Amino acid sequence: QVQLVESGGGLVQAGGSLRLSCAVSGSIFSINAMGWYRQAPGKQRELVASITEFAREIYAVSVKGRFTISRDNAQRMVYLSMNSLKPEDTAVYFCNVKKSGLEYWGQGTQVTVSS
């Protein structure tokens, strides 16, 4: 089992920055990828960024160049640094872990970007 707890969301003006954190507990053996998804009201959940066990980073086109995913294996943390935020980045952001064919989700953290 893997447990995920996100933090760092909040309200920010357009052009501002936020850093989301995800604390990973439980068995981290054989984690294949860690990432961030988001879901805006009335829309499907979408991938924002992920990082594989081989440190390969993948970003949604809409956030490339503005967001950066990173991880600290020793501290069991995954981060999402978000710069140049736009109102369309407003969503609930979820931490995600893929491990041995299973997926685990955090409870989500709200990010609101005002214009």
Protein backbone atom coordinates (compact mmCIF):
# COMPACT_ATOMS: atom_id res chain seq x y z
CA GLN A 1 0.00 0.00 0.00
CA VAL A 2 1.02 3.56 -0.73
CA GLN A 3 -0.43 6.65 0.91
CA LEU A 4 -0.15 10.11 -0.62
CA VAL A 5 -0.79 13.47 1.02
CA GLU A 6 -0.64 16.67 -1.01
CA SER A 7 -0.05 20.18 0.28
CA GLY A 8 0.84 23.61 -1.03
CA GLY A 9 -2.28 24.60 -2.93
CA GLY A 10 -3.92 27.96 -2.56
CA LEU A 11 -5.01 31.17 -4.22
CA VAL A 12 -2.53 33.07 -6.37
CA GLN A 13 -2.71 35.85 -8.92
CA ALA A 14 -2.00 35.21 -12.57
CA GLY A 15 1.73 35.24 -13.20
CA GLY A 16 2.47 34.00 -9.71
CA SER A 17 4.04 30.79 -8.49
CA LEU A 18 3.17 27.89 -6.23
CA ARG A 19 4.93 24.72 -5.19
CA LEU A 20 2.92 21.60 -4.50
CA SER A 21 4.29 18.83 -2.32
CA CYS A 22 3.29 15.19 -2.06
CA ALA A 23 4.41 13.06 0.87
CA VAL A 24 4.65 9.37 0.01
CA SER A 25 4.34 6.76 2.75
CA GLY A 26 4.02 3.01 2.80
CA SER A 27 5.86 0.65 0.49
CA ILE A 28 7.80 2.57 -2.14
CA PHE A 29 9.50 -0.52 -3.51
CA SER A 30 8.92 -0.95 -7.27
CA ILE A 31 7.32 2.45 -7.87
CA ASN A 32 7.32 2.91 -11.63
CA ALA A 33 6.25 6.54 -11.90
CA MET A 34 5.14 9.46 -9.78
CA GLY A 35 3.16 12.34 -11.08
CA TRP A 36 0.63 15.10 -10.82
CA TYR A 37 -2.81 15.24 -12.41
CA ARG A 38 -5.42 17.95 -12.25
CA GLN A 39 -9.17 18.21 -12.65
CA ALA A 40 -11.01 21.43 -13.34
CA PRO A 41 -14.78 21.72 -12.77
CA GLY A 42 -16.69 19.97 -15.52
CA LYS A 43 -13.55 18.55 -17.09
CA GLN A 44 -11.79 15.21 -17.08
CA ARG A 45 -8.76 14.58 -14.94
CA GLU A 46 -5.61 15.16 -16.98
CA LEU A 47 -1.93 14.46 -16.62
CA VAL A 48 0.14 17.52 -15.72
CA ALA A 49 3.57 16.01 -15.21
CA SER A 50 5.18 12.73 -14.32
CA ILE A 51 8.61 11.36 -13.57
CA THR A 52 9.53 7.73 -14.11
CA GLU A 53 11.80 5.46 -12.10
CA PHE A 54 14.48 6.30 -14.67
CA ALA A 55 14.01 10.03 -14.02
CA ARG A 56 12.34 10.66 -17.36
CA GLU A 57 10.05 13.68 -17.12
CA ILE A 58 6.84 14.07 -19.08
CA TYR A 59 4.79 17.27 -19.23
CA ALA A 60 1.47 18.28 -20.66
CA VAL A 61 1.90 20.69 -23.54
CA SER A 62 -0.06 23.34 -21.68
CA VAL A 63 2.43 23.47 -18.79
CA LYS A 64 5.73 22.72 -20.49
CA GLY A 65 8.26 25.41 -19.71
CA ARG A 66 6.25 26.70 -16.74
CA PHE A 67 5.98 23.67 -14.43
CA THR A 68 8.72 21.41 -13.13
CA ILE A 69 8.31 18.05 -11.43
CA SER A 70 10.96 16.79 -9.03
CA ARG A 71 11.33 14.12 -6.40
CA ASP A 72 13.39 13.49 -3.31
CA ASN A 73 13.60 9.75 -2.81
CA ALA A 74 15.31 10.03 0.55
CA GLN A 75 12.55 12.28 1.89
CA ARG A 76 9.83 10.39 0.00
CA MET A 77 8.54 13.58 -1.56
CA VAL A 78 7.33 14.62 -4.98
CA TYR A 79 7.09 18.28 -5.91
CA LEU A 80 5.46 20.35 -8.61
CA SER A 81 6.87 23.83 -9.04
CA MET A 82 4.44 26.01 -10.95
CA ASN A 83 5.48 29.35 -12.41
CA SER A 84 3.73 31.89 -14.62
CA LEU A 85 0.39 30.56 -13.46
CA LYS A 86 -2.67 31.25 -15.58
CA PRO A 87 -6.38 31.26 -14.67
CA GLU A 88 -6.77 28.11 -16.78
CA ASP A 89 -4.43 26.31 -14.37
CA THR A 90 -7.19 26.49 -11.76
CA ALA A 91 -8.05 22.94 -10.71
CA VAL A 92 -7.74 20.35 -8.00
CA TYR A 93 -4.27 18.84 -8.26
CA PHE A 94 -3.76 15.18 -7.39
CA CYS A 95 -0.59 13.31 -6.63
CA ASN A 96 -0.36 9.91 -8.34
CA VAL A 97 1.88 6.88 -8.00
CA LYS A 98 2.02 3.91 -10.34
CA LYS A 99 3.40 0.78 -8.78
CA SER A 100 3.34 -2.80 -10.00
CA GLY A 101 0.29 -2.27 -12.17
CA LEU A 102 -1.67 -0.36 -9.53
CA GLU A 103 -2.39 3.35 -9.11
CA TYR A 104 -2.60 5.34 -5.93
CA TRP A 105 -4.07 8.82 -5.50
CA GLY A 106 -3.90 11.55 -2.95
CA GLN A 107 -6.96 13.48 -1.81
CA GLY A 108 -6.10 16.52 -3.92
CA THR A 109 -5.20 20.12 -3.25
CA GLN A 110 -7.01 23.13 -4.73
CA VAL A 111 -5.11 25.62 -6.86
CA THR A 112 -6.96 28.78 -7.82
CA VAL A 113 -5.41 31.38 -10.12
CA SER A 114 -7.16 34.73 -10.24
CA SER A 115 -6.96 37.02 -13.26
